[in-house]
Protein backbone atom coordinates (compact mmCIF):
# COMPACT_ATOMS: atom_id res chain seq x y z
CA UNK A 1 12.48 9.11 17.46
CA UNK A 2 11.90 6.03 19.57
CA UNK A 3 9.17 3.52 18.95
CA UNK A 4 8.20 0.36 20.74
CA UNK A 5 7.26 -2.75 18.81
CA UNK A 6 6.14 -5.98 20.42
CA UNK A 7 8.86 -8.62 20.58
CA UNK A 8 6.98 -10.91 18.17
CA UNK A 9 7.30 -8.35 15.37
CA UNK A 10 10.94 -7.70 16.11
CA UNK A 11 11.75 -11.41 16.07
CA UNK A 12 9.86 -11.93 12.81
CA UNK A 13 11.82 -9.18 11.05
CA UNK A 14 15.07 -10.44 12.55
CA UNK A 15 14.39 -13.95 11.23
CA UNK A 16 13.67 -12.57 7.75
CA UNK A 17 17.03 -10.79 7.87
CA UNK A 18 18.78 -13.97 8.95
CA UNK A 19 17.16 -15.99 6.17
CA UNK A 20 18.06 -13.33 3.59
CA UNK A 21 21.68 -13.12 4.77
CA UNK A 22 21.96 -16.92 4.57
CA UNK A 23 20.51 -16.70 1.06
CA UNK A 24 17.61 -18.97 2.05
CA UNK A 25 15.20 -16.41 0.55
CA UNK A 26 15.45 -13.88 -2.25
CA UNK A 27 15.34 -10.11 -1.84
CA UNK A 28 11.82 -10.09 -3.30
CA UNK A 29 10.67 -12.67 -0.76
CA UNK A 30 12.21 -10.67 2.10
CA UNK A 31 10.52 -7.52 0.83
CA UNK A 32 7.17 -9.31 0.55
CA UNK A 33 7.34 -10.78 4.04
CA UNK A 34 8.36 -7.52 5.68
CA UNK A 35 5.79 -5.53 3.68
CA UNK A 36 3.08 -7.90 4.87
CA UNK A 37 4.27 -7.50 8.45
CA UNK A 38 4.40 -3.70 8.16
CA UNK A 39 0.88 -3.66 6.71
CA UNK A 40 -0.34 -5.75 9.66
CA UNK A 41 1.34 -3.42 12.15
CA UNK A 42 -0.27 -0.38 10.57
CA UNK A 43 -3.69 -2.04 10.35
CA UNK A 44 -3.88 -3.81 13.72
CA UNK A 45 -1.51 -1.92 16.01
CA UNK A 46 -1.85 1.63 14.70
CA UNK A 47 -5.43 1.22 13.38
CA UNK A 48 -4.47 2.97 10.12
CA UNK A 49 -5.39 2.12 6.54
CA UNK A 50 -2.12 3.58 5.23
CA UNK A 51 1.28 1.94 5.29
CA UNK A 52 4.91 2.57 4.42
CA UNK A 53 7.14 0.72 1.99
CA UNK A 54 9.37 -1.73 3.79
CA UNK A 55 13.03 -2.24 2.91
CA UNK A 56 13.20 0.70 0.51
CA UNK A 57 17.00 0.37 0.30
CA UNK A 58 16.67 -3.24 -0.86
CA UNK A 59 13.95 -2.35 -3.36
CA UNK A 60 16.26 0.28 -4.87
CA UNK A 61 19.03 -2.28 -5.24
CA UNK A 62 16.88 -4.95 -6.85
CA UNK A 63 14.15 -3.27 -8.91
CA UNK A 64 15.11 -2.46 -12.52
CA UNK A 65 13.70 1.10 -12.62
CA UNK A 66 14.43 1.99 -9.02
CA UNK A 67 17.66 3.78 -9.99
CA UNK A 68 15.83 6.54 -11.87
CA UNK A 69 16.04 9.03 -9.01
CA UNK A 70 19.14 11.14 -8.33
CA UNK A 71 20.12 9.49 -5.04
CA UNK A 72 20.08 6.00 -6.56
CA UNK A 73 22.17 7.12 -9.53
CA UNK A 74 24.81 8.54 -7.21
CA UNK A 75 25.00 5.23 -5.32
CA UNK A 76 24.95 2.87 -8.29
CA UNK A 77 28.19 1.23 -7.15
CA UNK A 78 26.48 -0.27 -4.07
CA UNK A 79 23.99 -2.39 -6.03
CA UNK A 80 23.88 -6.13 -5.55
CA UNK A 81 26.69 -8.04 -7.26
CA UNK A 82 26.28 -9.17 -10.86
CA UNK A 83 25.57 -12.86 -11.53
CA UNK A 84 28.70 -13.66 -13.56
CA UNK A 85 31.27 -12.26 -15.95
CA UNK A 86 30.56 -13.28 -19.52
């Protein structure tokens, strides 16, 4: 499936990714920004009241109960690194 998105949206998401990779923002901040953008796209571009969840893969890695489904349990070794060894 191919979809066109205006360049402004693409650049905004790209910049969020850059900021997250540089560790300028947290995963939760990146999720919040992209969710807000996705909600705007659905509301104003698609004229829909529904939306999708943005960055589902990142939510699964960072939310405490996100690993309850089978797929997440099988991929538990790809979670974000632990803070420190105590």
